[in-house]
Amino acid sequence: MFIRNLKFKVKFSSYSKNHFCKSFLRKYKKKAWNETIKTIHDTFEKIFGIQKAKLIDIINFNQEEEAGIFKLDFSVAGTQTSRKSSGNRLIFFLSNKEEKIEVLLVYGKGNCPKGQHETQWILEEIKSNFPEYKKIIGK
């Protein structure tokens, strides 16, 4: 298990707000998107249990730093679609040492360039926009 049973401080990066959340806000009603954000925060409060249920995917974890990059599928409130079938993803950085979670990317599968593997696109986005996490993702 990678995630310790802690109370994490949760924040959305300005990059995720400016590049991704705005498009979700335009696509869905404000009330639905705000409820989704609240649900995401609630989910992160229970992240230890969610890890046990295998609802998150590990992109990379650095044992020495006790930190990693993870992916979580989500659906927008009121859409009647499941997490998996919605195509909506959330990429987040989690640090056990700092007891923090930072949402880096919030996107739909349509945001990934065609012909490029999703994980490759995620790593490139993180390298380009979050240089402070290069040590976590390696390379």
N, C-alpha and C. Protein backbone atom coordinates (compact mmCIF):
# COMPACT_ATOMS: atom_id res chain seq x y z
N MET A 1 0.85 -1.18 0.00
CA MET A 1 0.00 0.00 0.00
C MET A 1 0.89 1.23 0.00
N PHE A 2 0.52 2.19 -0.79
CA PHE A 2 1.33 3.38 -0.96
C PHE A 2 0.85 4.55 -0.11
N ILE A 3 -0.44 4.63 0.10
CA ILE A 3 -1.02 5.79 0.78
C ILE A 3 -1.27 5.46 2.24
N ARG A 4 -0.76 6.33 3.11
CA ARG A 4 -0.95 6.13 4.54
C ARG A 4 -2.31 6.69 4.97
N ASN A 5 -2.79 6.24 6.11
CA ASN A 5 -4.08 6.66 6.64
C ASN A 5 -3.90 8.00 7.36
N LEU A 6 -3.93 9.09 6.59
CA LEU A 6 -3.71 10.44 7.10
C LEU A 6 -4.84 11.35 6.65
N LYS A 7 -4.91 12.52 7.26
CA LYS A 7 -5.86 13.55 6.79
C LYS A 7 -5.06 14.49 5.90
N PHE A 8 -5.32 14.43 4.61
CA PHE A 8 -4.56 15.20 3.64
C PHE A 8 -5.19 16.57 3.39
N LYS A 9 -4.32 17.56 3.16
CA LYS A 9 -4.77 18.87 2.70
C LYS A 9 -4.93 18.74 1.19
N VAL A 10 -6.06 19.18 0.67
CA VAL A 10 -6.36 19.02 -0.76
C VAL A 10 -6.45 20.38 -1.43
N LYS A 11 -5.78 20.50 -2.59
CA LYS A 11 -5.92 21.73 -3.37
C LYS A 11 -5.86 21.40 -4.85
N PHE A 12 -6.52 22.22 -5.64
CA PHE A 12 -6.46 22.11 -7.09
C PHE A 12 -5.39 23.08 -7.57
N SER A 13 -4.49 22.61 -8.41
CA SER A 13 -3.45 23.49 -8.96
C SER A 13 -4.09 24.56 -9.82
N SER A 14 -3.43 25.70 -9.93
CA SER A 14 -3.96 26.75 -10.79
C SER A 14 -3.99 26.28 -12.24
N TYR A 15 -3.04 25.43 -12.63
CA TYR A 15 -3.03 24.89 -13.99
C TYR A 15 -4.29 24.07 -14.25
N SER A 16 -4.68 23.23 -13.30
CA SER A 16 -5.90 22.42 -13.50
C SER A 16 -7.13 23.30 -13.56
N LYS A 17 -7.17 24.34 -12.75
CA LYS A 17 -8.32 25.25 -12.77
C LYS A 17 -8.41 26.01 -14.09
N ASN A 18 -7.27 26.53 -14.54
CA ASN A 18 -7.26 27.36 -15.75
C ASN A 18 -7.39 26.57 -17.04
N HIS A 19 -6.86 25.38 -17.10
CA HIS A 19 -6.84 24.64 -18.36
C HIS A 19 -7.90 23.56 -18.48
N PHE A 20 -8.43 23.10 -17.38
CA PHE A 20 -9.34 21.98 -17.46
C PHE A 20 -10.69 22.24 -16.78
N CYS A 21 -10.66 22.73 -15.56
CA CYS A 21 -11.91 22.91 -14.81
C CYS A 21 -12.85 23.88 -15.51
N LYS A 22 -12.31 24.90 -16.15
CA LYS A 22 -13.15 25.87 -16.87
C LYS A 22 -13.96 25.19 -17.96
N SER A 23 -13.34 24.23 -18.66
CA SER A 23 -14.09 23.56 -19.73
C SER A 23 -15.19 22.67 -19.15
N PHE A 24 -14.94 22.04 -18.00
CA PHE A 24 -15.99 21.25 -17.35
C PHE A 24 -17.12 22.16 -16.88
N LEU A 25 -16.76 23.32 -16.38
CA LEU A 25 -17.76 24.29 -15.91
C LEU A 25 -18.64 24.75 -17.08
N ARG A 26 -18.04 24.95 -18.25
CA ARG A 26 -18.83 25.35 -19.43
C ARG A 26 -19.71 24.20 -19.92
N LYS A 27 -19.18 22.98 -19.85
CA LYS A 27 -19.89 21.82 -20.37
C LYS A 27 -21.06 21.39 -19.48
N TYR A 28 -20.89 21.53 -18.18
CA TYR A 28 -21.91 21.10 -17.22
C TYR A 28 -22.42 22.31 -16.45
N LYS A 29 -23.57 22.18 -15.86
CA LYS A 29 -24.12 23.27 -15.06
C LYS A 29 -23.24 23.53 -13.85
N LYS A 30 -23.21 24.78 -13.43
CA LYS A 30 -22.36 25.18 -12.30
C LYS A 30 -22.66 24.35 -11.06
N LYS A 31 -23.94 24.12 -10.79
CA LYS A 31 -24.31 23.34 -9.61
C LYS A 31 -23.75 21.92 -9.68
N ALA A 32 -23.85 21.30 -10.86
CA ALA A 32 -23.35 19.93 -11.03
C ALA A 32 -21.83 19.89 -10.86
N TRP A 33 -21.13 20.87 -11.44
CA TRP A 33 -19.67 20.88 -11.34
C TRP A 33 -19.23 21.15 -9.90
N ASN A 34 -19.90 22.07 -9.21
CA ASN A 34 -19.55 22.35 -7.81
C ASN A 34 -19.79 21.13 -6.92
N GLU A 35 -20.86 20.38 -7.19
CA GLU A 35 -21.13 19.15 -6.44
C GLU A 35 -20.05 18.10 -6.73
N THR A 36 -19.59 18.07 -7.97
CA THR A 36 -18.52 17.14 -8.34
C THR A 36 -17.23 17.48 -7.60
N ILE A 37 -16.89 18.76 -7.53
CA ILE A 37 -15.69 19.20 -6.80
C ILE A 37 -15.80 18.80 -5.33
N LYS A 38 -16.98 18.98 -4.75
CA LYS A 38 -17.19 18.60 -3.34
C LYS A 38 -16.99 17.08 -3.17
N THR A 39 -17.52 16.31 -4.11
CA THR A 39 -17.37 14.86 -4.06
C THR A 39 -15.90 14.45 -4.18
N ILE A 40 -15.17 15.14 -5.03
CA ILE A 40 -13.73 14.86 -5.18
C ILE A 40 -13.01 15.12 -3.86
N HIS A 41 -13.32 16.24 -3.22
CA HIS A 41 -12.71 16.54 -1.91
C HIS A 41 -13.07 15.46 -0.90
N ASP A 42 -14.34 15.05 -0.86
CA ASP A 42 -14.77 13.99 0.06
C ASP A 42 -14.04 12.68 -0.23
N THR A 43 -13.86 12.38 -1.51
CA THR A 43 -13.15 11.17 -1.91
C THR A 43 -11.73 11.19 -1.37
N PHE A 44 -11.06 12.32 -1.49
CA PHE A 44 -9.68 12.41 -1.03
C PHE A 44 -9.58 12.32 0.49
N GLU A 45 -10.63 12.68 1.20
CA GLU A 45 -10.62 12.50 2.65
C GLU A 45 -10.62 11.02 3.02
N LYS A 46 -11.13 10.17 2.10
CA LYS A 46 -11.19 8.73 2.35
C LYS A 46 -10.21 7.98 1.46
N ILE A 47 -9.15 8.63 1.04
CA ILE A 47 -8.24 8.07 0.03
C ILE A 47 -7.60 6.76 0.48
N PHE A 48 -7.36 6.60 1.76
CA PHE A 48 -6.74 5.36 2.24
C PHE A 48 -7.64 4.17 1.92
N GLY A 49 -8.93 4.28 2.21
CA GLY A 49 -9.89 3.21 1.92
C GLY A 49 -10.10 3.01 0.43
N ILE A 50 -10.06 4.08 -0.32
CA ILE A 50 -10.23 4.00 -1.78
C ILE A 50 -9.07 3.24 -2.39
N GLN A 51 -7.89 3.46 -1.83
CA GLN A 51 -6.71 2.72 -2.28
C GLN A 51 -6.93 1.22 -2.11
N LYS A 52 -7.51 0.83 -0.97
CA LYS A 52 -7.78 -0.58 -0.72
C LYS A 52 -8.79 -1.15 -1.71
N ALA A 53 -9.73 -0.32 -2.14
CA ALA A 53 -10.75 -0.76 -3.08
C ALA A 53 -10.25 -0.73 -4.53
N LYS A 54 -9.01 -0.32 -4.71
CA LYS A 54 -8.38 -0.29 -6.03
C LYS A 54 -9.13 0.61 -7.02
N LEU A 55 -9.58 1.77 -6.55
CA LEU A 55 -10.26 2.72 -7.42
C LEU A 55 -9.30 3.75 -8.01
N ILE A 56 -8.05 3.74 -7.55
CA ILE A 56 -7.06 4.66 -8.10
C ILE A 56 -5.97 3.85 -8.79
N ASP A 57 -5.40 4.46 -9.82
CA ASP A 57 -4.29 3.84 -10.54
C ASP A 57 -3.01 4.59 -10.18
N ILE A 58 -1.94 3.85 -10.01
CA ILE A 58 -0.64 4.45 -9.71
C ILE A 58 0.06 4.74 -11.03
N ILE A 59 0.42 6.00 -11.22
CA ILE A 59 1.21 6.36 -12.40
C ILE A 59 2.68 6.17 -12.05
N ASN A 60 3.07 6.69 -10.91
CA ASN A 60 4.44 6.49 -10.42
C ASN A 60 4.48 6.81 -8.93
N PHE A 61 5.28 6.05 -8.19
CA PHE A 61 5.43 6.28 -6.76
C PHE A 61 6.90 6.22 -6.41
N ASN A 62 7.38 7.21 -5.68
CA ASN A 62 8.77 7.28 -5.26
C ASN A 62 8.82 6.90 -3.78
N GLN A 63 9.34 5.71 -3.48
CA GLN A 63 9.38 5.20 -2.10
C GLN A 63 10.17 6.13 -1.18
N GLU A 64 11.30 6.61 -1.68
CA GLU A 64 12.16 7.47 -0.86
C GLU A 64 11.45 8.76 -0.45
N GLU A 65 10.71 9.35 -1.37
CA GLU A 65 9.99 10.60 -1.10
C GLU A 65 8.63 10.36 -0.43
N GLU A 66 8.18 9.11 -0.44
CA GLU A 66 6.83 8.76 0.03
C GLU A 66 5.78 9.60 -0.67
N ALA A 67 5.94 9.72 -1.99
CA ALA A 67 5.04 10.56 -2.78
C ALA A 67 4.86 9.92 -4.15
N GLY A 68 3.74 10.26 -4.77
CA GLY A 68 3.48 9.69 -6.07
C GLY A 68 2.46 10.46 -6.87
N ILE A 69 2.32 10.04 -8.11
CA ILE A 69 1.33 10.58 -9.03
C ILE A 69 0.32 9.46 -9.28
N PHE A 70 -0.96 9.80 -9.16
CA PHE A 70 -2.03 8.81 -9.26
C PHE A 70 -3.13 9.30 -10.20
N LYS A 71 -3.94 8.36 -10.67
CA LYS A 71 -5.08 8.68 -11.53
C LYS A 71 -6.36 8.15 -10.88
N LEU A 72 -7.40 8.97 -10.95
CA LEU A 72 -8.71 8.60 -10.41
C LEU A 72 -9.76 8.90 -11.48
N ASP A 73 -10.61 7.94 -11.79
CA ASP A 73 -11.73 8.16 -12.69
C ASP A 73 -12.85 8.81 -11.89
N PHE A 74 -13.60 9.71 -12.54
CA PHE A 74 -14.74 10.32 -11.85
C PHE A 74 -15.84 10.62 -12.85
N SER A 75 -17.04 10.78 -12.32
CA SER A 75 -18.14 11.22 -13.16
C SER A 75 -18.68 12.53 -12.59
N VAL A 76 -19.29 13.31 -13.44
CA VAL A 76 -19.85 14.58 -13.02
C VAL A 76 -21.22 14.32 -12.40
N ALA A 77 -21.49 15.00 -11.31
CA ALA A 77 -22.76 14.83 -10.59
C ALA A 77 -23.95 15.03 -11.52
N GLY A 78 -24.93 14.16 -11.38
CA GLY A 78 -26.18 14.28 -12.14
C GLY A 78 -26.12 13.78 -13.57
N THR A 79 -25.03 13.14 -13.99
CA THR A 79 -24.92 12.71 -15.39
C THR A 79 -25.37 11.28 -15.63
N GLN A 80 -25.60 10.51 -14.59
CA GLN A 80 -26.06 9.12 -14.73
C GLN A 80 -25.06 8.21 -15.45
N THR A 81 -23.78 8.57 -15.40
CA THR A 81 -22.75 7.70 -15.99
C THR A 81 -21.81 7.24 -14.89
N SER A 82 -21.22 6.08 -15.09
CA SER A 82 -20.29 5.56 -14.10
C SER A 82 -18.94 6.26 -14.23
N ARG A 83 -18.10 6.09 -13.20
CA ARG A 83 -16.76 6.67 -13.23
C ARG A 83 -16.00 6.24 -14.47
N LYS A 84 -15.97 4.95 -14.71
CA LYS A 84 -15.19 4.39 -15.83
C LYS A 84 -15.73 4.84 -17.18
N SER A 85 -17.03 4.72 -17.37
CA SER A 85 -17.59 5.02 -18.70
C SER A 85 -17.66 6.52 -19.00
N SER A 86 -17.51 7.37 -17.99
CA SER A 86 -17.57 8.82 -18.23
C SER A 86 -16.38 9.31 -19.04
N GLY A 87 -15.24 8.64 -18.90
CA GLY A 87 -14.04 9.08 -19.60
C GLY A 87 -13.34 10.24 -18.92
N ASN A 88 -13.83 10.63 -17.74
CA ASN A 88 -13.24 11.75 -17.00
C ASN A 88 -12.17 11.23 -16.05
N ARG A 89 -11.05 11.93 -16.03
CA ARG A 89 -9.91 11.51 -15.22
C ARG A 89 -9.37 12.68 -14.41
N LEU A 90 -8.75 12.31 -13.31
CA LEU A 90 -8.13 13.27 -12.41
C LEU A 90 -6.73 12.75 -12.12
N ILE A 91 -5.72 13.56 -12.33
CA ILE A 91 -4.34 13.19 -12.00
C ILE A 91 -3.94 14.02 -10.80
N PHE A 92 -3.41 13.34 -9.78
CA PHE A 92 -3.05 14.08 -8.57
C PHE A 92 -1.72 13.63 -8.00
N PHE A 93 -1.08 14.56 -7.33
CA PHE A 93 0.16 14.31 -6.60
C PHE A 93 -0.24 14.09 -5.15
N LEU A 94 0.34 13.08 -4.51
CA LEU A 94 0.07 12.82 -3.11
C LEU A 94 1.40 12.65 -2.39
N SER A 95 1.54 13.36 -1.26
CA SER A 95 2.74 13.23 -0.43
C SER A 95 2.33 12.80 0.97
N ASN A 96 2.80 11.62 1.37
CA ASN A 96 2.55 11.17 2.75
C ASN A 96 3.32 12.04 3.74
N LYS A 97 4.54 12.43 3.40
CA LYS A 97 5.36 13.25 4.31
C LYS A 97 4.74 14.61 4.57
N GLU A 98 4.26 15.25 3.49
CA GLU A 98 3.67 16.59 3.61
C GLU A 98 2.17 16.55 3.91
N GLU A 99 1.59 15.36 3.87
CA GLU A 99 0.15 15.17 4.08
C GLU A 99 -0.66 16.08 3.16
N LYS A 100 -0.30 16.06 1.87
CA LYS A 100 -0.99 16.91 0.91
C LYS A 100 -1.33 16.16 -0.36
N ILE A 101 -2.41 16.60 -0.97
CA ILE A 101 -2.84 16.14 -2.28
C ILE A 101 -3.03 17.38 -3.14
N GLU A 102 -2.42 17.36 -4.32
CA GLU A 102 -2.61 18.46 -5.27
C GLU A 102 -3.14 17.88 -6.57
N VAL A 103 -4.29 18.36 -6.99
CA VAL A 103 -4.88 17.94 -8.25
C VAL A 103 -4.13 18.66 -9.36
N LEU A 104 -3.51 17.90 -10.25
CA LEU A 104 -2.69 18.47 -11.31
C LEU A 104 -3.45 18.62 -12.62
N LEU A 105 -4.20 17.60 -12.99
CA LEU A 105 -4.94 17.59 -14.25
C LEU A 105 -6.34 17.06 -14.01
N VAL A 106 -7.31 17.67 -14.65
CA VAL A 106 -8.70 17.21 -14.65
C VAL A 106 -9.10 17.21 -16.11
N TYR A 107 -9.38 16.04 -16.68
CA TYR A 107 -9.59 16.00 -18.12
C TYR A 107 -10.53 14.88 -18.51
N GLY A 108 -11.00 14.99 -19.72
CA GLY A 108 -11.76 13.93 -20.35
C GLY A 108 -10.85 13.22 -21.33
N LYS A 109 -11.19 12.00 -21.69
CA LYS A 109 -10.36 11.24 -22.63
C LYS A 109 -10.13 12.00 -23.93
N GLY A 110 -11.07 12.86 -24.29
CA GLY A 110 -10.94 13.66 -25.52
C GLY A 110 -9.82 14.69 -25.46
N ASN A 111 -9.32 14.99 -24.27
CA ASN A 111 -8.22 15.94 -24.15
C ASN A 111 -6.89 15.34 -24.59
N CYS A 112 -6.78 14.03 -24.56
CA CYS A 112 -5.53 13.36 -24.96
C CYS A 112 -5.42 13.38 -26.48
N PRO A 113 -4.24 13.74 -26.99
CA PRO A 113 -4.06 13.73 -28.45
C PRO A 113 -4.24 12.33 -29.02
N LYS A 114 -4.88 12.28 -30.16
CA LYS A 114 -5.09 10.97 -30.82
C LYS A 114 -3.74 10.40 -31.22
N GLY A 115 -3.59 9.10 -31.08
CA GLY A 115 -2.36 8.43 -31.45
C GLY A 115 -1.29 8.47 -30.38
N GLN A 116 -1.58 9.10 -29.24
CA GLN A 116 -0.61 9.15 -28.15
C GLN A 116 -1.19 8.39 -26.96
N HIS A 117 -0.39 7.56 -26.33
CA HIS A 117 -0.83 6.81 -25.17
C HIS A 117 -1.17 7.79 -24.05
N GLU A 118 -2.24 7.53 -23.32
CA GLU A 118 -2.71 8.44 -22.27
C GLU A 118 -1.64 8.69 -21.20
N THR A 119 -0.96 7.65 -20.75
CA THR A 119 0.06 7.82 -19.71
C THR A 119 1.22 8.68 -20.22
N GLN A 120 1.59 8.51 -21.47
CA GLN A 120 2.65 9.33 -22.05
C GLN A 120 2.25 10.80 -22.05
N TRP A 121 1.01 11.08 -22.44
CA TRP A 121 0.50 12.46 -22.45
C TRP A 121 0.51 13.04 -21.03
N ILE A 122 0.08 12.25 -20.04
CA ILE A 122 0.06 12.70 -18.64
C ILE A 122 1.46 13.07 -18.19
N LEU A 123 2.42 12.20 -18.43
CA LEU A 123 3.81 12.46 -18.01
C LEU A 123 4.37 13.70 -18.69
N GLU A 124 4.06 13.90 -19.96
CA GLU A 124 4.53 15.11 -20.66
C GLU A 124 3.89 16.37 -20.08
N GLU A 125 2.61 16.30 -19.76
CA GLU A 125 1.93 17.45 -19.15
C GLU A 125 2.56 17.80 -17.80
N ILE A 126 2.86 16.79 -17.01
CA ILE A 126 3.45 17.02 -15.69
C ILE A 126 4.86 17.59 -15.84
N LYS A 127 5.66 17.01 -16.72
CA LYS A 127 7.02 17.51 -16.94
C LYS A 127 7.01 18.97 -17.38
N SER A 128 6.08 19.31 -18.27
CA SER A 128 6.02 20.67 -18.82
C SER A 128 5.48 21.70 -17.84
N ASN A 129 4.55 21.29 -17.00
CA ASN A 129 3.82 22.26 -16.18
C ASN A 129 4.06 22.16 -14.69
N PHE A 130 4.70 21.08 -14.25
CA PHE A 130 4.96 20.89 -12.83
C PHE A 130 6.40 20.40 -12.63
N PRO A 131 7.39 21.24 -12.90
CA PRO A 131 8.79 20.80 -12.79
C PRO A 131 9.16 20.32 -11.38
N GLU A 132 8.43 20.78 -10.38
CA GLU A 132 8.71 20.37 -9.00
C GLU A 132 8.44 18.87 -8.77
N TYR A 133 7.72 18.22 -9.68
CA TYR A 133 7.41 16.80 -9.52
C TYR A 133 8.22 15.90 -10.45
N LYS A 134 9.19 16.45 -11.14
CA LYS A 134 10.02 15.63 -12.04
C LYS A 134 10.70 14.49 -11.28
N LYS A 135 11.10 14.75 -10.05
CA LYS A 135 11.78 13.72 -9.26
C LYS A 135 10.83 12.54 -8.99
N ILE A 136 9.56 12.82 -8.86
CA ILE A 136 8.57 11.77 -8.59
C ILE A 136 8.34 10.90 -9.83
N ILE A 137 8.25 11.53 -11.00
CA ILE A 137 7.96 10.75 -12.20
C ILE A 137 9.21 10.20 -12.85
N GLY A 138 10.36 10.68 -12.42
CA GLY A 138 11.63 10.19 -12.97
C GLY A 138 11.87 10.74 -14.36
N LYS A 139 12.93 10.28 -14.98
CA LYS A 139 13.32 10.66 -16.34
C LYS A 139 13.63 12.13 -16.44
